[in-house]
C-alpha cells in the first residue's frame, strides 16, 4: 500500500509538472516572434513606400501594404552608434553614454544599460544579432555580453561585400570567434538569419538583422572579383547604390517568405527602418541635408511595422515617433515593463500629441560645436552653429523658411524647453 501511495504521489507530481510545462510552452507560443530589420545610410525616398520611383523595393512595399507606415519617425542620432544604442536600450544617447560612433578606444554598449535583447531573454526569448554591430570591440561590449544568444556579424562601421574585411582590416565574427565564409555579404547575413529562425521550434525568438547595405563599398551582387581596399572603398556610383538596395529588398523578401513557409509569419512582428539618413548617392525627397546633421535628411527615417493579425493594413501614422519607441513597442508586445524607457508604445492610442523630441550631436567633449534640435507638433527648432531657426514641418519639410520672426512666442517656448533638456545632461 505504501508503494502504491508513493506511486500516486509521484504520478500526481509528474502530472502537475507536465501541465505546468504545457502551459509554459503554450504561453511561449502565444508571445510574438520579433524580426527587427535595419538598413544603413540610406535616403528617405530611396524605397517605394516613401517615394522612390527609381529603386524597386517590392518586398518592403509588401510590408508597408500589410502594416503601418510611420511618416514622422526619427532616429535619435544622425550617425550609426548612438542611433543603434538608442534603439537597443530605449534610452536617449546622452543617457546610455553612446553619443558618437564607437571606435576601438571607446567603451561601447555594456550591461550597465540593459538591451532589449537582455530583457526579452529573461522573458524566455532566444535572441540573435546578425549584421553590423558597431557598438563596441571588447568582450564586455559584444552582442553576447548584451543579451544576444547568437551573433554573426562584424564590429566595424562597414565591410567589403565579398572579402568580408572591414575598412580597418578586421573580420566577420560568429559569436566571439573570427570566421571565414564565402558569399555576398547581404546574402550571407540573410542565410544566417533564416538558419537562426528555423532553429526555434517552441520558444519565441527576437532577431536583430542589421544589414550594412547600402554602405560603401557599393559592390554589386554577382561580381566576386570586385574586392576593395582603402584606395577604392569609395569608388561608387548611384547605379551601384540602386543595385545594392534592390538586392537588400530581395533578401528581406527571403526572410518574409521563410517565415511564411514555416508557418511563423502570423505570429511574428516585423519592423523595418534605417539607422539614420545617408549622403552622396541618396535621395531624401523633400528633406534637407543628411548624414551627420540634425536637419531632417539626417534624422527623419522610414519606419514600417507589420504585426500579426493586423486589421489596419496599408495605414499611415503621422504621429511623432523616435527609435526608442520601437524598443518600447516591442517590449510591450512581449509583456515586458517599459517604465524606465524614453520611448512609448507606437501601437497605443494614448500617445501625447504634444510630446517633445530632442537631439544633440555631437557631445561637447568632441571639441566641435554641437547641433541641437527640438520638435513638438508641427514645429521644429534647430540650433546649428550660431543660428536658431524655426520651421513648420507640416508646410515646409525641406526646412527652407525660418519662421522665428513670425512666431517669436513659439520659438521662445521651444528654446526654453531645449535649455531645460540640456540641463539633464552631464556634459
Protein backbone atom coordinates (compact mmCIF):
# COMPACT_ATOMS: atom_id res chain seq x y z
CA UNK A 1 0.00 0.00 0.00
CA UNK A 2 2.85 2.36 0.84
CA UNK A 3 4.35 1.72 -2.61
CA UNK A 4 1.01 2.48 -4.29
CA UNK A 5 0.68 5.69 -2.30
CA UNK A 6 4.20 6.74 -3.25
CA UNK A 7 3.45 5.90 -6.87
CA UNK A 8 0.26 8.00 -6.80
CA UNK A 9 2.15 10.93 -5.27
CA UNK A 10 4.93 10.60 -7.86
CA UNK A 11 2.41 10.30 -10.69
CA UNK A 12 0.48 13.34 -9.42
CA UNK A 13 3.70 15.37 -9.18
CA UNK A 14 4.75 14.41 -12.69
CA UNK A 15 1.27 15.24 -13.99
CA UNK A 16 1.38 18.69 -12.38
CA UNK A 17 4.86 19.30 -13.84
CA UNK A 18 3.58 18.23 -17.26
CA UNK A 19 0.65 20.63 -17.04
CA UNK A 20 2.96 23.47 -15.99
CA UNK A 21 5.31 22.62 -18.86
CA UNK A 22 2.46 22.57 -21.36
CA UNK A 23 1.22 25.91 -20.02
CA UNK A 24 4.71 27.42 -20.31
CA UNK A 25 5.10 26.20 -23.91
CA UNK A 26 1.61 27.44 -24.77
CA UNK A 27 2.39 30.87 -23.29
CA UNK A 28 5.71 30.98 -25.11
CA UNK A 29 3.98 30.20 -28.39
CA UNK A 30 1.45 32.98 -27.70
CA UNK A 31 4.27 35.51 -27.39
CA UNK A 32 5.08 37.08 -30.75
CA UNK A 33 8.33 36.42 -32.54
CA UNK A 34 10.16 39.63 -33.46
CA UNK A 35 12.30 40.42 -36.51
CA UNK A 36 13.89 43.87 -36.37
CA UNK A 37 15.47 44.80 -39.72
CA UNK A 38 17.70 47.84 -40.17
CA UNK A 39 19.28 49.29 -43.30
CA UNK A 40 22.15 51.76 -43.16
CA UNK A 41 22.99 55.16 -44.59
CA UNK A 42 20.01 55.47 -46.94
CA UNK A 43 17.92 58.27 -48.36
CA UNK A 44 14.42 58.79 -47.02
CA UNK A 45 12.92 58.48 -50.53
CA UNK A 46 15.01 55.50 -51.65
CA UNK A 47 12.31 52.89 -51.06
CA UNK A 48 8.99 52.74 -52.88
CA UNK A 49 6.68 53.20 -49.86
CA UNK A 50 8.41 56.51 -49.12
CA UNK A 51 8.55 57.90 -52.63
CA UNK A 52 11.06 56.07 -54.81
CA UNK A 53 10.22 55.70 -58.48
CA UNK A 54 13.72 54.58 -59.45
CA UNK A 55 14.62 51.89 -56.93
CA UNK A 56 12.30 48.89 -56.91
CA UNK A 57 11.59 47.53 -53.42
CA UNK A 58 8.55 45.23 -53.70
CA UNK A 59 9.32 43.29 -50.51
CA UNK A 60 9.49 46.44 -48.41
CA UNK A 61 6.36 47.69 -50.17
CA UNK A 62 4.56 44.49 -49.18
CA UNK A 63 5.48 45.09 -45.53
CA UNK A 64 4.08 48.62 -45.75
CA UNK A 65 0.92 47.43 -47.51
CA UNK A 66 0.34 44.83 -44.80
CA UNK A 67 1.19 47.07 -41.87
CA UNK A 68 1.72 50.62 -40.67
CA UNK A 69 3.95 53.25 -42.26
CA UNK A 70 5.24 55.97 -39.91
CA UNK A 71 5.98 59.23 -41.71
CA UNK A 72 7.16 61.36 -38.78
CA UNK A 73 9.62 58.85 -37.39
CA UNK A 74 13.10 59.87 -36.28
CA UNK A 75 16.42 58.38 -35.40
CA UNK A 76 17.86 59.50 -32.09
CA UNK A 77 21.11 60.49 -33.83
CA UNK A 78 22.44 61.22 -37.33
CA UNK A 79 25.27 58.65 -37.10
CA UNK A 80 25.47 54.91 -36.52
CA UNK A 81 26.48 54.01 -32.96
CA UNK A 82 24.25 56.40 -30.99
CA UNK A 83 21.28 55.59 -33.23
CA UNK A 84 21.79 51.86 -32.66
CA UNK A 85 22.45 52.29 -28.95
CA UNK A 86 19.22 54.25 -28.51
CA UNK A 87 17.23 51.60 -30.38
CA UNK A 88 18.67 48.68 -28.41
CA UNK A 89 18.42 50.34 -24.97
CA UNK A 90 15.33 52.52 -25.43
CA UNK A 91 17.25 55.46 -23.97
CA UNK A 92 18.40 58.80 -25.34
CA UNK A 93 22.09 58.68 -26.34
CA UNK A 94 23.17 61.03 -23.56
CA UNK A 95 21.65 58.61 -21.03
CA UNK A 96 23.27 55.40 -22.27
CA UNK A 97 26.57 57.18 -22.89
CA UNK A 98 26.86 56.45 -26.62
CA UNK A 99 26.66 59.84 -28.35
CA UNK A 100 29.26 59.30 -31.07
CA UNK A 101 30.43 56.48 -33.29
CA UNK A 102 32.20 53.86 -31.19
CA UNK A 103 35.87 53.30 -32.03
CA UNK A 104 38.32 50.80 -30.64
CA UNK A 105 39.18 53.14 -27.76
CA UNK A 106 35.55 53.61 -26.68
CA UNK A 107 33.66 51.52 -24.15
CA UNK A 108 30.57 50.96 -26.26
CA UNK A 109 27.35 49.30 -25.14
CA UNK A 110 27.56 47.36 -21.87
CA UNK A 111 25.21 45.59 -19.50
CA UNK A 112 25.06 48.78 -17.41
CA UNK A 113 22.18 49.73 -19.73
CA UNK A 114 20.25 46.50 -20.36
CA UNK A 115 19.39 45.98 -24.00
CA UNK A 116 16.06 44.89 -25.42
CA UNK A 117 17.68 41.50 -26.03
CA UNK A 118 18.60 41.15 -22.34
CA UNK A 119 15.03 41.93 -21.31
CA UNK A 120 13.45 39.61 -23.86
CA UNK A 121 15.87 36.83 -22.95
CA UNK A 122 14.64 37.00 -19.36
CA UNK A 123 11.13 36.61 -20.76
CA UNK A 124 12.07 33.34 -22.43
CA UNK A 125 13.06 34.57 -25.89
CA UNK A 126 16.02 33.19 -27.81
CA UNK A 127 17.90 36.19 -29.12
CA UNK A 128 20.09 36.66 -32.17
CA UNK A 129 22.06 39.52 -33.68
CA UNK A 130 23.16 39.31 -37.31
CA UNK A 131 24.96 42.03 -39.26
CA UNK A 132 26.62 45.29 -38.33
CA UNK A 133 27.14 45.79 -34.59
CA UNK A 134 29.26 48.98 -34.33
CA UNK A 135 28.65 49.22 -30.59
CA UNK A 136 31.99 48.10 -29.26
CA UNK A 137 35.03 45.92 -29.83
CA UNK A 138 35.64 44.42 -26.40
CA UNK A 139 34.19 41.35 -24.75
CA UNK A 140 32.09 43.50 -22.40
CA UNK A 141 30.59 45.43 -25.30
CA UNK A 142 29.94 42.45 -27.58
CA UNK A 143 26.47 41.25 -28.60
CA UNK A 144 26.95 38.14 -26.44
CA UNK A 145 27.54 40.35 -23.37
CA UNK A 146 24.43 42.39 -24.17
CA UNK A 147 21.75 39.72 -24.19
CA UNK A 148 22.18 38.02 -27.56
CA UNK A 149 22.45 34.23 -27.55
CA UNK A 150 23.83 34.20 -31.08
CA UNK A 151 25.99 36.65 -33.02
CA UNK A 152 27.08 36.59 -36.64
CA UNK A 153 28.43 39.85 -37.97
CA UNK A 154 31.13 42.47 -37.70
CA UNK A 155 32.06 45.17 -35.22
CA UNK A 156 33.27 47.96 -37.51
CA UNK A 157 31.38 50.62 -39.48
CA UNK A 158 31.38 48.80 -42.82
CA UNK A 159 32.66 45.69 -44.58
CA UNK A 160 33.71 44.52 -48.04
CA UNK A 161 30.75 42.66 -49.51
CA UNK A 162 32.98 39.86 -50.87
CA UNK A 163 36.26 39.63 -48.92
CA UNK A 164 34.40 40.29 -45.64
CA UNK A 165 37.22 42.51 -44.40
CA UNK A 166 36.26 45.75 -42.71
CA UNK A 167 37.74 49.13 -43.53
CA UNK A 168 40.27 48.60 -40.73
CA UNK A 169 41.00 45.03 -41.83
CA UNK A 170 39.08 43.03 -39.20
CA UNK A 171 36.85 40.06 -40.00
CA UNK A 172 33.43 38.57 -39.53
CA UNK A 173 32.64 37.00 -36.18
CA UNK A 174 30.48 34.08 -35.22
CA UNK A 175 29.73 34.53 -31.55
CA UNK A 176 33.14 35.54 -30.10
CA UNK A 177 35.41 33.98 -32.74
CA UNK A 178 36.56 35.23 -36.17
CA UNK A 179 35.13 33.22 -39.04
CA UNK A 180 35.70 32.99 -42.79
CA UNK A 181 32.82 32.25 -45.15
CA UNK A 182 32.17 32.81 -48.84
CA UNK A 183 29.43 34.79 -50.50
CA UNK A 184 27.91 38.22 -50.98
CA UNK A 185 27.57 39.68 -47.50
CA UNK A 186 23.88 40.67 -47.71
CA UNK A 187 23.02 37.14 -48.84
CA UNK A 188 25.27 35.65 -46.15
CA UNK A 189 23.54 37.63 -43.40
CA UNK A 190 20.15 36.51 -44.70
CA UNK A 191 21.27 32.87 -44.84
CA UNK A 192 22.28 33.09 -41.18
CA UNK A 193 19.04 34.83 -40.26
CA UNK A 194 16.98 32.07 -41.87
CA UNK A 195 19.07 29.43 -40.11
CA UNK A 196 18.52 31.19 -36.78
CA UNK A 197 14.75 31.44 -37.36
CA UNK A 198 14.46 27.79 -38.33
CA UNK A 199 16.09 26.66 -35.09
CA UNK A 200 13.23 27.99 -32.93
CA UNK A 201 10.83 25.03 -32.51
CA UNK A 202 8.84 26.25 -29.50
CA UNK A 203 10.46 29.28 -27.88
CA UNK A 204 9.70 32.75 -29.23
CA UNK A 205 12.66 34.49 -30.85
CA UNK A 206 13.98 38.02 -31.22
CA UNK A 207 16.19 38.62 -34.24
CA UNK A 208 18.04 41.88 -34.88
CA UNK A 209 19.06 41.81 -38.54
CA UNK A 210 21.17 44.92 -39.09
CA UNK A 211 22.39 44.97 -42.69
CA UNK A 212 25.36 47.12 -43.68
CA UNK A 213 23.76 47.69 -47.10
CA UNK A 214 23.87 50.13 -48.75
CA UNK A 215 27.06 51.43 -47.14
CA UNK A 216 30.23 51.78 -49.20
CA UNK A 217 31.89 49.92 -50.75
CA UNK A 218 28.87 49.58 -53.01
CA UNK A 219 29.71 46.28 -54.67
CA UNK A 220 27.06 44.78 -56.90
CA UNK A 221 25.97 41.16 -56.48
CA UNK A 222 27.35 38.52 -58.85
CA UNK A 223 30.78 40.15 -59.20
CA UNK A 224 33.01 38.41 -56.61
CA UNK A 225 36.20 39.74 -58.24
CA UNK A 226 35.29 43.26 -57.11
CA UNK A 227 37.39 43.30 -53.93
CA UNK A 228 38.05 46.74 -52.41
CA UNK A 229 40.79 48.34 -50.34
CA UNK A 230 41.06 51.81 -48.83
CA UNK A 231 42.00 53.34 -52.19
CA UNK A 232 38.85 52.04 -53.92
CA UNK A 233 36.44 51.82 -50.95
CA UNK A 234 34.50 54.91 -52.04
CA UNK A 235 34.71 54.38 -55.81
CA UNK A 236 30.98 54.04 -56.32
CA UNK A 237 28.08 55.33 -58.39
CA UNK A 238 24.37 55.91 -57.94
CA UNK A 239 23.80 52.87 -60.16
CA UNK A 240 25.82 50.72 -57.73
CA UNK A 241 23.76 52.12 -54.86
CA UNK A 242 20.49 51.21 -56.59
CA UNK A 243 21.61 47.62 -57.29
CA UNK A 244 22.73 47.09 -53.68
CA UNK A 245 19.37 48.30 -52.33
CA UNK A 246 17.38 46.15 -54.72
CA UNK A 247 19.40 43.12 -53.57
CA UNK A 248 18.68 44.13 -49.97
CA UNK A 249 14.97 44.16 -50.77
CA UNK A 250 15.22 40.69 -52.32
CA UNK A 251 16.80 39.41 -49.12
CA UNK A 252 14.07 40.93 -46.99
CA UNK A 253 11.65 39.05 -49.21
CA UNK A 254 13.56 35.86 -48.47
CA UNK A 255 13.12 36.43 -44.72
CA UNK A 256 9.39 37.02 -45.03
CA UNK A 257 9.00 34.06 -47.40
CA UNK A 258 10.79 31.76 -44.97
CA UNK A 259 8.59 32.90 -42.09
CA UNK A 260 5.53 32.17 -44.21
CA UNK A 261 6.78 28.76 -45.28
CA UNK A 262 7.48 27.80 -41.67
CA UNK A 263 4.05 28.90 -40.52
CA UNK A 264 5.57 31.67 -38.38
CA UNK A 265 4.55 34.80 -40.26
CA UNK A 266 1.26 35.36 -38.47
CA UNK A 267 2.93 35.22 -35.08
CA UNK A 268 5.84 37.48 -35.97
CA UNK A 269 6.21 41.24 -35.66
CA UNK A 270 8.41 42.60 -38.47
CA UNK A 271 9.96 46.05 -38.19
CA UNK A 272 11.92 47.81 -40.94
CA UNK A 273 13.81 51.07 -40.54
CA UNK A 274 17.16 52.83 -41.14
CA UNK A 275 19.73 53.80 -38.53
CA UNK A 276 19.89 57.39 -39.89
CA UNK A 277 19.95 59.32 -43.16
CA UNK A 278 22.73 58.99 -45.71
CA UNK A 279 24.53 61.22 -48.18
CA UNK A 280 26.38 61.08 -51.53
CA UNK A 281 24.10 58.92 -53.75
CA UNK A 282 20.92 59.13 -51.70
CA UNK A 283 17.53 60.63 -52.48
CA UNK A 284 15.95 62.32 -49.48
CA UNK A 285 12.97 63.61 -51.41
CA UNK A 286 11.94 66.94 -49.90
CA UNK A 287 14.19 66.60 -46.86
CA UNK A 288 17.28 68.79 -46.45
CA UNK A 289 20.85 67.73 -45.67
CA UNK A 290 21.72 64.23 -44.46
CA UNK A 291 24.20 62.11 -42.56
CA UNK A 292 25.95 63.78 -39.61
CA UNK A 293 23.41 66.61 -39.26
CA UNK A 294 20.24 67.23 -37.28
CA UNK A 295 18.40 68.57 -40.29
CA UNK A 296 15.55 66.36 -41.50
CA UNK A 297 17.65 64.44 -44.02
CA UNK A 298 19.95 63.29 -41.24
CA UNK A 299 17.41 62.10 -38.67
CA UNK A 300 13.97 61.53 -40.24
CA UNK A 301 13.86 57.93 -41.46
CA UNK A 302 11.23 55.44 -42.63
CA UNK A 303 9.58 53.05 -40.21
CA UNK A 304 7.30 50.15 -41.13
CA UNK A 305 5.71 47.79 -38.61
CA UNK A 306 3.89 44.65 -39.72
CA UNK A 307 2.29 42.88 -36.78
CA UNK A 308 0.36 39.62 -36.55
CA UNK A 309 -3.34 39.74 -37.40
CA UNK A 310 -3.05 43.42 -38.31
CA UNK A 311 -6.51 44.73 -39.09
CA UNK A 312 -5.42 48.19 -40.22
CA UNK A 313 -3.33 47.45 -43.29
CA UNK A 314 -1.70 49.98 -45.60
CA UNK A 315 -2.03 52.53 -42.80
CA UNK A 316 -0.14 55.81 -42.47
CA UNK A 317 0.64 57.06 -38.96
CA UNK A 318 1.86 60.66 -38.85
CA UNK A 319 2.33 60.92 -35.07
CA UNK A 320 5.76 61.98 -33.85
CA UNK A 321 7.95 59.00 -33.05
CA UNK A 322 11.60 58.18 -32.38
CA UNK A 323 13.53 54.93 -32.38
CA UNK A 324 13.27 54.42 -28.60
CA UNK A 325 9.56 53.99 -29.32
CA UNK A 326 10.33 50.84 -31.30
CA UNK A 327 12.05 49.44 -28.20
CA UNK A 328 9.01 50.19 -26.05
CA UNK A 329 6.59 48.84 -28.66
CA UNK A 330 8.38 45.50 -28.99
CA UNK A 331 8.85 45.06 -25.25
CA UNK A 332 5.20 45.87 -24.61
CA UNK A 333 4.18 43.25 -27.17
CA UNK A 334 6.20 40.72 -25.16
CA UNK A 335 4.65 41.92 -21.89
CA UNK A 336 7.88 43.43 -20.57
CA UNK A 337 7.83 46.63 -18.50
CA UNK A 338 8.90 49.81 -20.30
CA UNK A 339 8.58 52.26 -17.41
CA UNK A 340 12.30 53.05 -17.40
CA UNK A 341 12.50 53.84 -21.13
CA UNK A 342 12.34 57.08 -23.10
CA UNK A 343 10.04 55.55 -25.70
CA UNK A 344 6.30 54.94 -25.91
CA UNK A 345 4.28 52.09 -27.44
CA UNK A 346 3.52 53.10 -31.02
CA UNK A 347 0.60 50.68 -31.17
CA UNK A 348 -1.11 52.52 -28.33
CA UNK A 349 -3.72 55.20 -28.87
CA UNK A 350 -2.52 57.16 -25.85
CA UNK A 351 0.48 58.97 -27.33
CA UNK A 352 0.58 62.61 -26.20
CA UNK A 353 0.01 64.84 -29.22
CA UNK A 354 2.16 67.48 -27.55
CA UNK A 355 5.12 65.17 -26.86
CA UNK A 356 8.53 66.69 -27.43
CA UNK A 357 11.55 65.07 -29.09
CA UNK A 358 15.13 66.27 -28.56
CA UNK A 359 18.53 65.87 -30.20
CA UNK A 360 22.13 66.82 -29.56
CA UNK A 361 25.02 65.90 -31.83
CA UNK A 362 27.89 65.65 -31.18
CA UNK A 363 28.53 65.93 -27.41
CA UNK A 364 30.67 68.75 -26.09
CA UNK A 365 33.66 66.52 -25.43
CA UNK A 366 34.34 66.20 -29.17
CA UNK A 367 35.54 69.82 -29.30
CA UNK A 368 33.07 70.51 -32.10
CA UNK A 369 30.22 72.93 -31.63
CA UNK A 370 27.19 70.63 -31.16
CA UNK A 371 23.96 70.97 -33.04
CA UNK A 372 20.69 70.85 -31.10
CA UNK A 373 17.16 70.26 -32.29
CA UNK A 374 13.72 70.01 -30.74
CA UNK A 375 10.38 69.10 -32.28
CA UNK A 376 6.88 69.49 -30.86
CA UNK A 377 3.87 69.01 -33.08
CA UNK A 378 4.46 70.68 -36.43
CA UNK A 379 7.24 72.89 -35.07
CA UNK A 380 10.96 72.16 -35.17
CA UNK A 381 13.71 74.41 -33.88
CA UNK A 382 17.29 73.67 -34.89
CA UNK A 383 20.31 75.30 -33.30
CA UNK A 384 23.14 74.94 -35.80
CA UNK A 385 26.35 76.90 -35.17
CA UNK A 386 25.12 80.40 -34.22
CA UNK A 387 21.66 80.16 -35.77
CA UNK A 388 18.40 79.17 -34.10
CA UNK A 389 15.87 78.52 -36.83
CA UNK A 390 12.16 77.67 -36.53
CA UNK A 391 10.32 75.60 -39.14
CA UNK A 392 6.75 74.46 -39.66
CA UNK A 393 7.43 70.94 -40.93
CA UNK A 394 3.83 70.29 -41.91
CA UNK A 395 4.11 73.04 -44.51
CA UNK A 396 7.88 73.11 -45.03
CA UNK A 397 9.52 69.68 -44.63
CA UNK A 398 12.50 70.99 -46.60
CA UNK A 399 13.32 73.45 -43.78
CA UNK A 400 13.70 76.38 -46.13
CA UNK A 401 11.57 79.05 -44.41
CA UNK A 402 12.69 80.27 -41.00
CA UNK A 403 9.53 81.44 -39.21
CA UNK A 404 11.10 82.59 -35.96
CA UNK A 405 10.42 86.24 -36.74
CA UNK A 406 6.71 85.50 -37.36
CA UNK A 407 6.18 83.23 -34.36
CA UNK A 408 8.52 84.52 -31.63
CA UNK A 409 6.45 83.00 -28.82
CA UNK A 410 6.73 79.51 -30.37
CA UNK A 411 10.47 79.98 -30.84
CA UNK A 412 10.94 81.17 -27.26
CA UNK A 413 8.89 78.25 -25.92
CA UNK A 414 10.97 75.67 -27.76
CA UNK A 415 14.23 77.35 -26.77
CA UNK A 416 13.21 77.20 -23.10
CA UNK A 417 12.27 73.51 -23.38
CA UNK A 418 15.58 72.79 -25.09
CA UNK A 419 17.54 74.62 -22.39
CA UNK A 420 15.76 72.62 -19.67
CA UNK A 421 16.62 69.41 -21.52
CA UNK A 422 20.27 70.44 -21.77
CA UNK A 423 20.38 70.74 -18.00
CA UNK A 424 19.68 66.99 -17.72
CA UNK A 425 22.95 66.23 -19.47
CA UNK A 426 26.15 65.75 -17.56
CA UNK A 427 28.42 67.22 -20.26
